[in-house]
């Protein structure tokens, strides 16, 4: 089972100054910034996925700048992603259309021919057929029951595109592996789509539309699909948002899945922001400590505009929280005064009131408990990855992109070790330490 990281230019500035909160001198975005596999020194995934909608073109406005999109098309995916070094040559490069980017369109903006050309010129190892995402779902329906007119239209156009895609890509079979994308509004309708894709000649299927579904619903879909396709059919889950529950999906013999979950949770989850391996072989989570930039935080700026607080007072509270955290990391401050400084600043963000007025409120007592655990256990000191060694306590501070994405990249590495354990690969990695990172001799 391969863990594929769905990238959208997730990079960090290696020269970022945490004390001054600014990028390195003369930094040039893409050129100076590093991908996870560069800053860690090894790939924390088995491959990367790039969506056509993320790259962008005249049809869809993507996340890449025009210059970046042109370079991607000119040099190919492997060189653009900097996976062209010998140690990364075996990593898979998956591609898909990025159906989320055109979900509101009547039909996909790309034809099968467009995507075949994109995959071939980009040097992708795997390419998904052109799908049109279906968000309707009812687990109770049987056979081809249900499904709105729109859902059935999307079902049909996805299969029509898949038929054209595999037919027109046959002469490129040695360049990339085609994946037929499964869409449906119920487990049985997805199973029917999978059955038809296999009849077309697909041996590798990708289940789409899984992001909003509950884990149990995804399992029902996989069970239904497995019942309708040959046992040797490979299965991939597109946009697997339930990454932490991956072990419960083992009975369905997944070949691969793509996710951004470990990285995204570093800054979008309310409390589970930093990963470490747990003694039971799974994961344990810690809350990052929020110390937003007073001059940039919208809520704090709004409080100043309303006259509730003065900017200079917020800056002092912010500086005090950071000062105590760094002193605590160096052994020069105790836990309780550090926690007090952090909560005093956090109360303004969490409640818009002074800490003394809300100290006993449910919101602040919850934050106090979460932050006290993080500070008392000091998880960043238990990790030997390059990111945590370099950033130290800065990695646990929830503050702007360069810290938050670093924490997400650390999470990717921890998660990759979990997948390796699940795959029983520990025996192949005897030089891996307790926390799953290459020892000095390997680096």
Protein backbone atom coordinates (compact mmCIF):
# COMPACT_ATOMS: atom_id res chain seq x y z
CA UNK A 1 0.00 0.00 0.00
CA UNK A 2 1.60 3.21 -1.21
CA UNK A 3 1.15 6.62 0.41
CA UNK A 4 0.96 9.30 -2.30
CA UNK A 5 1.19 12.93 -1.21
CA UNK A 6 -1.12 15.28 -3.11
CA UNK A 7 0.99 18.40 -3.55
CA UNK A 8 -0.08 21.96 -4.21
CA UNK A 9 3.25 23.79 -4.00
CA UNK A 10 3.70 22.94 -0.32
CA UNK A 11 7.16 24.36 0.27
CA UNK A 12 9.03 26.29 2.97
CA UNK A 13 11.86 28.80 3.03
CA UNK A 14 14.93 27.04 4.52
CA UNK A 15 16.43 30.42 5.46
CA UNK A 16 13.32 31.66 7.29
CA UNK A 17 14.20 33.76 10.37
CA UNK A 18 11.93 32.64 13.23
CA UNK A 19 13.04 35.43 15.56
CA UNK A 20 12.41 38.25 13.10
CA UNK A 21 9.54 36.40 11.38
CA UNK A 22 10.76 37.07 7.89
CA UNK A 23 12.01 35.17 4.86
CA UNK A 24 15.66 34.79 3.99
CA UNK A 25 17.39 37.66 2.27
CA UNK A 26 16.72 37.93 -1.46
CA UNK A 27 14.46 34.85 -1.36
CA UNK A 28 12.86 33.86 -4.64
CA UNK A 29 9.74 31.80 -3.95
CA UNK A 30 9.84 28.50 -5.80
CA UNK A 31 13.56 28.64 -6.55
CA UNK A 32 14.76 29.00 -2.97
CA UNK A 33 11.98 27.15 -1.15
CA UNK A 34 12.11 23.42 -0.44
CA UNK A 35 9.68 20.52 -0.80
CA UNK A 36 9.24 18.07 2.11
CA UNK A 37 11.66 15.55 0.58
CA UNK A 38 14.31 18.26 0.26
CA UNK A 39 14.15 19.76 3.73
CA UNK A 40 13.91 16.34 5.40
CA UNK A 41 16.61 14.80 3.23
CA UNK A 42 14.42 11.84 2.25
CA UNK A 43 10.92 11.37 0.86
CA UNK A 44 8.18 11.09 3.50
CA UNK A 45 5.88 9.45 0.92
CA UNK A 46 5.94 6.83 -1.81
CA UNK A 47 5.10 9.31 -4.52
CA UNK A 48 3.42 12.61 -5.28
CA UNK A 49 0.17 13.51 -7.03
CA UNK A 50 -0.31 16.66 -9.10
CA UNK A 51 -3.76 17.77 -10.18
CA UNK A 52 -4.18 19.47 -13.55
CA UNK A 53 -6.53 21.93 -11.85
CA UNK A 54 -3.80 22.90 -9.37
CA UNK A 55 -1.27 23.55 -12.12
CA UNK A 56 -3.85 25.58 -14.04
CA UNK A 57 -4.07 26.86 -17.60
CA UNK A 58 -6.38 28.99 -19.73
CA UNK A 59 -9.30 26.72 -18.78
CA UNK A 60 -8.88 26.70 -14.99
CA UNK A 61 -7.04 29.22 -12.83
CA UNK A 62 -4.73 27.03 -10.76
CA UNK A 63 -2.42 27.62 -7.82
CA UNK A 64 0.73 27.81 -9.93
CA UNK A 65 1.81 31.15 -11.33
CA UNK A 66 1.83 31.39 -15.11
CA UNK A 67 5.62 31.10 -15.10
CA UNK A 68 5.50 28.02 -12.87
CA UNK A 69 2.84 26.37 -15.03
CA UNK A 70 4.92 27.03 -18.14
CA UNK A 71 8.01 25.56 -16.51
CA UNK A 72 6.04 22.50 -15.34
CA UNK A 73 4.95 21.83 -18.91
CA UNK A 74 8.44 22.49 -20.26
CA UNK A 75 10.56 20.35 -17.89
CA UNK A 76 7.99 17.79 -16.72
CA UNK A 77 6.65 16.80 -13.34
CA UNK A 78 9.69 14.97 -11.99
CA UNK A 79 12.10 17.84 -12.59
CA UNK A 80 9.62 20.48 -11.43
CA UNK A 81 8.97 18.57 -8.18
CA UNK A 82 12.72 17.97 -7.81
CA UNK A 83 12.30 14.23 -7.82
CA UNK A 84 14.92 13.84 -10.54
CA UNK A 85 17.74 12.92 -8.16
CA UNK A 86 18.81 9.26 -8.00
CA UNK A 87 17.31 8.67 -4.53
CA UNK A 88 13.87 9.80 -5.74
CA UNK A 89 13.77 8.19 -9.18
CA UNK A 90 11.57 5.29 -8.07
CA UNK A 91 8.90 7.51 -6.52
CA UNK A 92 5.62 7.39 -8.41
CA UNK A 93 4.12 10.55 -9.90
CA UNK A 94 0.34 10.37 -10.12
CA UNK A 95 -1.82 12.85 -11.98
CA UNK A 96 -5.51 13.61 -12.02
CA UNK A 97 -7.80 16.28 -13.42
CA UNK A 98 -8.53 18.02 -10.12
CA UNK A 99 -12.29 17.51 -10.28
CA UNK A 100 -12.86 19.74 -7.26
CA UNK A 101 -11.64 22.74 -9.26
CA UNK A 102 -14.46 22.44 -11.80
CA UNK A 103 -17.17 20.85 -9.67
CA UNK A 104 -19.69 23.57 -10.59
CA UNK A 105 -19.12 23.30 -14.33
CA UNK A 106 -21.59 21.51 -16.58
CA UNK A 107 -18.83 19.28 -17.90
CA UNK A 108 -15.10 18.80 -17.28
CA UNK A 109 -12.96 21.44 -19.02
CA UNK A 110 -10.51 18.74 -20.16
CA UNK A 111 -10.99 16.03 -22.77
CA UNK A 112 -9.36 12.60 -22.50
CA UNK A 113 -6.97 13.71 -25.24
CA UNK A 114 -5.99 16.81 -23.25
CA UNK A 115 -5.15 14.69 -20.21
CA UNK A 116 -3.26 12.04 -22.17
CA UNK A 117 -1.06 14.78 -23.60
CA UNK A 118 -0.61 16.32 -20.12
CA UNK A 119 0.47 12.99 -18.59
CA UNK A 120 2.76 12.03 -21.47
CA UNK A 121 4.54 15.39 -21.71
CA UNK A 122 4.76 15.66 -17.92
CA UNK A 123 6.39 12.27 -17.52
CA UNK A 124 3.76 10.99 -15.09
CA UNK A 125 3.96 7.34 -14.02
CA UNK A 126 0.19 7.11 -13.42
CA UNK A 127 -2.68 9.10 -14.92
CA UNK A 128 -6.37 9.18 -13.96
CA UNK A 129 -9.18 9.34 -16.51
CA UNK A 130 -11.35 12.46 -16.76
CA UNK A 131 -14.07 12.38 -14.11
CA UNK A 132 -16.91 14.62 -12.97
CA UNK A 133 -17.32 14.42 -9.21
CA UNK A 134 -20.59 13.28 -7.61
CA UNK A 135 -21.30 14.55 -4.11
CA UNK A 136 -24.63 12.80 -3.57
CA UNK A 137 -24.39 9.67 -1.43
CA UNK A 138 -26.89 7.26 0.09
CA UNK A 139 -25.54 4.08 1.61
CA UNK A 140 -28.97 2.42 1.75
CA UNK A 141 -29.65 2.35 -1.98
CA UNK A 142 -29.24 -0.94 -3.81
CA UNK A 143 -28.35 -1.64 -7.41
CA UNK A 144 -28.74 1.44 -9.57
CA UNK A 145 -31.54 2.92 -7.49
CA UNK A 146 -31.62 6.63 -6.75
CA UNK A 147 -29.25 9.22 -8.08
CA UNK A 148 -30.49 12.59 -9.27
CA UNK A 149 -30.48 13.49 -12.95
CA UNK A 150 -27.26 15.44 -12.35
CA UNK A 151 -25.60 12.52 -10.56
CA UNK A 152 -26.49 10.14 -13.37
CA UNK A 153 -25.24 12.63 -15.96
CA UNK A 154 -21.90 12.87 -14.13
CA UNK A 155 -21.80 9.07 -13.81
CA UNK A 156 -22.28 8.65 -17.54
CA UNK A 157 -19.84 11.34 -18.64
CA UNK A 158 -17.16 9.94 -16.32
CA UNK A 159 -17.52 6.49 -17.90
CA UNK A 160 -17.65 7.89 -21.43
CA UNK A 161 -14.44 9.80 -20.80
CA UNK A 162 -12.83 6.70 -19.28
CA UNK A 163 -13.64 4.63 -22.36
CA UNK A 164 -12.06 7.22 -24.65
CA UNK A 165 -9.11 7.71 -22.30
CA UNK A 166 -8.03 4.06 -22.21
CA UNK A 167 -8.57 3.60 -25.92
CA UNK A 168 -6.53 6.66 -26.91
CA UNK A 169 -3.76 6.04 -24.37
CA UNK A 170 -2.98 2.45 -25.42
CA UNK A 171 0.01 3.52 -27.51
CA UNK A 172 1.45 5.20 -24.39
CA UNK A 173 1.02 2.19 -22.10
CA UNK A 174 4.77 2.01 -21.45
CA UNK A 175 4.91 5.68 -20.44
CA UNK A 176 2.17 5.81 -17.80
CA UNK A 177 -0.37 3.52 -16.17
CA UNK A 178 -4.00 4.59 -16.77
CA UNK A 179 -6.39 4.61 -13.81
CA UNK A 180 -10.11 4.52 -14.41
CA UNK A 181 -11.91 6.86 -12.02
CA UNK A 182 -14.98 5.54 -10.21
CA UNK A 183 -17.83 7.93 -9.40
CA UNK A 184 -21.25 7.07 -7.96
CA UNK A 185 -23.98 8.04 -5.51
CA UNK A 186 -24.07 4.76 -3.53
CA UNK A 187 -21.85 1.74 -2.89
CA UNK A 188 -23.65 -0.29 -5.55
CA UNK A 189 -23.53 2.44 -8.20
CA UNK A 190 -19.79 2.78 -7.58
CA UNK A 191 -19.44 -0.99 -7.88
CA UNK A 192 -21.28 -0.87 -11.21
CA UNK A 193 -18.93 1.86 -12.44
CA UNK A 194 -15.94 -0.21 -11.34
CA UNK A 195 -17.30 -3.26 -13.15
CA UNK A 196 -17.72 -1.30 -16.37
CA UNK A 197 -14.22 0.17 -16.10
CA UNK A 198 -12.73 -3.31 -15.77
CA UNK A 199 -14.70 -4.38 -18.83
CA UNK A 200 -13.08 -1.47 -20.70
CA UNK A 201 -9.66 -2.87 -19.86
CA UNK A 202 -8.65 -0.98 -16.71
CA UNK A 203 -6.59 -2.91 -14.16
CA UNK A 204 -6.13 0.02 -11.78
CA UNK A 205 -9.16 1.93 -10.45
CA UNK A 206 -9.31 5.17 -8.49
CA UNK A 207 -12.32 5.84 -6.26
CA UNK A 208 -13.33 9.50 -6.40
CA UNK A 209 -15.73 11.60 -4.34
CA UNK A 210 -14.50 10.07 -1.07
CA UNK A 211 -13.46 13.28 0.71
CA UNK A 212 -16.83 14.15 2.36
CA UNK A 213 -17.77 10.54 3.18
CA UNK A 214 -17.53 8.95 6.62
CA UNK A 215 -15.04 6.14 7.07
CA UNK A 216 -17.82 3.54 7.29
CA UNK A 217 -19.30 4.73 3.99
CA UNK A 218 -15.92 4.49 2.28
CA UNK A 219 -15.54 0.94 3.57
CA UNK A 220 -18.99 0.08 2.19
CA UNK A 221 -17.97 1.42 -1.21
CA UNK A 222 -14.74 -0.54 -1.20
CA UNK A 223 -16.56 -3.73 -0.16
CA UNK A 224 -19.09 -3.29 -2.96
CA UNK A 225 -16.36 -2.62 -5.53
CA UNK A 226 -14.29 -5.60 -4.39
CA UNK A 227 -17.34 -7.83 -4.88
CA UNK A 228 -17.67 -6.77 -8.54
CA UNK A 229 -14.08 -6.69 -9.81
CA UNK A 230 -11.37 -9.36 -10.20
CA UNK A 231 -9.20 -9.92 -7.13
CA UNK A 232 -6.09 -8.66 -8.89
CA UNK A 233 -7.65 -5.27 -9.71
CA UNK A 234 -5.62 -2.50 -8.09
CA UNK A 235 -7.49 0.14 -6.08
CA UNK A 236 -6.57 3.72 -5.23
CA UNK A 237 -8.52 6.21 -3.11
CA UNK A 238 -8.42 9.79 -4.39
CA UNK A 239 -8.28 12.47 -1.68
CA UNK A 240 -8.34 10.13 1.31
CA UNK A 241 -9.34 12.42 4.19
CA UNK A 242 -9.54 9.57 6.74
CA UNK A 243 -5.81 8.92 6.69
CA UNK A 244 -5.62 8.23 10.43
CA UNK A 245 -7.99 5.30 10.00
CA UNK A 246 -5.99 3.64 7.27
CA UNK A 247 -5.57 0.35 9.16
CA UNK A 248 -9.32 -0.28 9.05
CA UNK A 249 -9.09 -0.33 5.23
CA UNK A 250 -6.50 -3.11 5.03
CA UNK A 251 -9.06 -5.88 4.28
CA UNK A 252 -9.82 -4.19 0.95
CA UNK A 253 -6.24 -4.58 -0.29
CA UNK A 254 -5.64 -1.00 -1.34
CA UNK A 255 -2.72 -0.55 -3.69
CA UNK A 256 -2.39 3.16 -3.00
CA UNK A 257 -4.10 6.28 -1.71
CA UNK A 258 -3.36 9.97 -1.85
CA UNK A 259 -3.88 12.47 0.93
CA UNK A 260 -2.72 15.81 2.29
CA UNK A 261 -4.25 15.15 5.71
CA UNK A 262 -1.06 14.94 7.83
CA UNK A 263 0.14 18.26 6.44
CA UNK A 264 -3.21 20.04 6.47
CA UNK A 265 -4.01 19.04 10.05
CA UNK A 266 -0.90 20.87 11.20
CA UNK A 267 -2.78 24.14 10.73
CA UNK A 268 -6.44 23.34 10.09
CA UNK A 269 -7.23 20.96 12.94
CA UNK A 270 -8.45 22.53 16.19
CA UNK A 271 -6.14 20.48 18.39
CA UNK A 272 -4.33 17.57 16.68
CA UNK A 273 -1.53 19.50 14.98
CA UNK A 274 1.70 17.62 15.74
CA UNK A 275 2.23 13.87 15.30
CA UNK A 276 4.47 11.42 17.12
CA UNK A 277 4.46 7.63 17.09
CA UNK A 278 2.55 6.07 19.98
CA UNK A 279 3.73 3.04 21.93
CA UNK A 280 0.83 1.00 20.51
CA UNK A 281 2.28 1.46 17.02
CA UNK A 282 -0.25 4.12 16.02
CA UNK A 283 -0.10 7.90 16.38
CA UNK A 284 -0.45 10.34 19.22
CA UNK A 285 -1.28 13.99 18.73
CA UNK A 286 -0.38 17.29 20.33
CA UNK A 287 -1.89 20.74 20.04
CA UNK A 288 0.28 23.44 18.58
CA UNK A 289 0.47 26.59 20.71
CA UNK A 290 -1.14 29.55 18.99
CA UNK A 291 0.85 32.78 19.00
CA UNK A 292 -0.43 34.65 15.92
CA UNK A 293 1.22 37.78 14.63
CA UNK A 294 -0.58 40.68 16.30
CA UNK A 295 -0.27 42.96 13.29
CA UNK A 296 -1.59 40.36 10.83
CA UNK A 297 -4.31 38.51 12.73
CA UNK A 298 -7.73 39.67 11.50
CA UNK A 299 -9.49 39.15 14.83
CA UNK A 300 -6.87 41.11 16.74
CA UNK A 301 -6.92 43.89 14.16
CA UNK A 302 -10.69 44.05 14.52
CA UNK A 303 -10.39 44.40 18.31
CA UNK A 304 -7.99 47.31 17.85
CA UNK A 305 -10.32 48.98 15.33
CA UNK A 306 -13.18 48.67 17.82
CA UNK A 307 -11.04 50.31 20.49
CA UNK A 308 -11.05 47.28 22.82
CA UNK A 309 -7.25 47.00 22.88
CA UNK A 310 -4.26 49.03 21.82
CA UNK A 311 -1.84 47.68 19.21
CA UNK A 312 1.15 48.31 21.46
CA UNK A 313 -0.43 46.25 24.26
CA UNK A 314 -1.07 43.33 21.90
CA UNK A 315 2.51 43.47 20.66
CA UNK A 316 3.78 43.30 24.23
CA UNK A 317 1.63 40.26 25.04
CA UNK A 318 2.73 38.58 21.82
CA UNK A 319 6.41 39.24 22.52
CA UNK A 320 6.06 38.00 26.11
CA UNK A 321 4.46 34.72 24.99
CA UNK A 322 7.24 34.07 22.47
CA UNK A 323 9.93 35.06 24.95
CA UNK A 324 8.65 32.65 27.57
CA UNK A 325 8.25 29.79 25.09
CA UNK A 326 11.83 30.14 23.88
CA UNK A 327 13.14 30.48 27.41
CA UNK A 328 11.16 27.38 28.41
CA UNK A 329 12.73 25.46 25.54
CA UNK A 330 16.18 26.49 26.77
CA UNK A 331 15.39 25.50 30.37
CA UNK A 332 15.36 29.11 31.54
CA UNK A 333 11.63 29.42 32.33
CA UNK A 334 9.21 27.23 34.29
CA UNK A 335 6.11 25.66 32.82
CA UNK A 336 3.45 27.59 34.74
CA UNK A 337 4.60 31.15 33.98
CA UNK A 338 5.13 30.11 30.36
CA UNK A 339 1.61 28.71 30.19
CA UNK A 340 0.26 31.87 31.83
CA UNK A 341 1.95 34.10 29.25
CA UNK A 342 0.61 32.01 26.37
CA UNK A 343 -2.95 31.92 27.74
CA UNK A 344 -2.97 35.65 28.47
CA UNK A 345 -2.34 36.32 24.78
CA UNK A 346 -4.59 33.49 23.58
CA UNK A 347 -7.61 34.72 25.50
CA UNK A 348 -7.86 37.74 23.23
CA UNK A 349 -8.00 35.50 20.16
CA UNK A 350 -10.23 32.82 21.65
CA UNK A 351 -12.69 34.98 23.59
CA UNK A 352 -11.85 38.63 22.72
CA UNK A 353 -11.63 39.30 26.45
CA UNK A 354 -8.78 39.74 28.95
CA UNK A 355 -7.57 36.48 30.45
CA UNK A 356 -8.48 37.46 34.01
CA UNK A 357 -12.11 37.81 32.96
CA UNK A 358 -12.35 34.39 31.29
CA UNK A 359 -9.75 32.29 33.10
CA UNK A 360 -12.36 29.76 34.25
CA UNK A 361 -14.40 29.67 31.05
CA UNK A 362 -14.75 26.32 29.25
CA UNK A 363 -12.83 27.60 26.24
CA UNK A 364 -9.82 28.73 28.28
CA UNK A 365 -9.72 25.72 30.59
CA UNK A 366 -9.69 23.48 27.51
CA UNK A 367 -6.85 25.48 25.97
CA UNK A 368 -4.96 25.41 29.27
CA UNK A 369 -5.23 21.62 29.40
CA UNK A 370 -4.10 21.15 25.80
CA UNK A 371 -1.18 23.57 26.07
CA UNK A 372 -0.05 22.23 29.43
CA UNK A 373 0.20 18.72 27.98
CA UNK A 374 2.19 19.99 24.99
CA UNK A 375 4.59 21.96 27.17
CA UNK A 376 5.02 19.29 29.82
CA UNK A 377 5.74 16.50 27.31
CA UNK A 378 7.90 18.64 24.97
CA UNK A 379 7.21 16.42 21.93
CA UNK A 380 9.51 18.43 19.65
CA UNK A 381 12.47 17.26 21.75
CA UNK A 382 11.51 13.62 21.21
CA UNK A 383 11.84 13.90 17.45
CA UNK A 384 15.16 13.76 15.59
CA UNK A 385 13.96 14.73 12.12
CA UNK A 386 15.83 17.54 10.37
CA UNK A 387 12.90 19.91 10.77
CA UNK A 388 12.51 19.49 14.53
CA UNK A 389 16.27 19.57 15.12
CA UNK A 390 16.52 22.85 13.26
CA UNK A 391 13.35 24.58 14.43
CA UNK A 392 13.12 23.23 18.01
CA UNK A 393 10.15 24.77 19.85
CA UNK A 394 9.31 26.94 16.82
CA UNK A 395 7.82 23.82 15.22
CA UNK A 396 5.11 23.64 17.89
CA UNK A 397 4.18 27.33 17.62
CA UNK A 398 1.06 27.87 15.50
CA UNK A 399 2.14 30.99 13.62
CA UNK A 400 2.29 31.78 9.89
CA UNK A 401 3.00 29.46 6.98
CA UNK A 402 6.69 28.71 7.44
CA UNK A 403 6.19 27.23 10.91
CA UNK A 404 2.86 25.58 10.17
CA UNK A 405 3.99 23.88 6.97
CA UNK A 406 7.18 22.69 8.62
CA UNK A 407 5.04 21.04 11.27
CA UNK A 408 2.95 19.49 8.50
CA UNK A 409 6.07 18.14 6.79
CA UNK A 410 7.18 16.61 10.08
CA UNK A 411 3.72 14.98 10.27
CA UNK A 412 4.18 13.54 6.78
CA UNK A 413 7.38 11.83 7.90
CA UNK A 414 5.77 10.36 11.01
CA UNK A 415 2.79 9.21 8.99
CA UNK A 416 5.01 7.56 6.37
CA UNK A 417 6.62 5.49 9.13
CA UNK A 418 3.14 4.41 10.21
CA UNK A 419 2.40 3.22 6.68
CA UNK A 420 5.71 1.39 6.54
CA UNK A 421 4.89 -0.36 9.80
CA UNK A 422 1.50 -1.35 8.47
CA UNK A 423 3.19 -2.72 5.38
CA UNK A 424 5.58 -4.73 7.55
CA UNK A 425 8.57 -2.96 6.08
CA UNK A 426 10.47 -2.36 9.34
CA UNK A 427 12.81 -5.28 8.54
CA UNK A 428 13.99 -3.46 5.43
CA UNK A 429 14.88 -0.35 7.41
CA UNK A 430 17.16 -1.58 10.19
CA UNK A 431 18.86 1.81 10.41
CA UNK A 432 15.63 3.51 11.45
CA UNK A 433 15.45 4.82 15.00
CA UNK A 434 12.46 4.82 17.35
CA UNK A 435 10.85 7.82 15.70
CA UNK A 436 11.36 6.55 12.19
CA UNK A 437 13.98 8.88 10.78
CA UNK A 438 17.25 8.00 9.06
CA UNK A 439 20.19 7.86 11.43
CA UNK A 440 23.17 10.16 10.90
CA UNK A 441 25.02 7.46 8.98
CA UNK A 442 22.28 7.41 6.34
CA UNK A 443 22.06 11.16 5.80
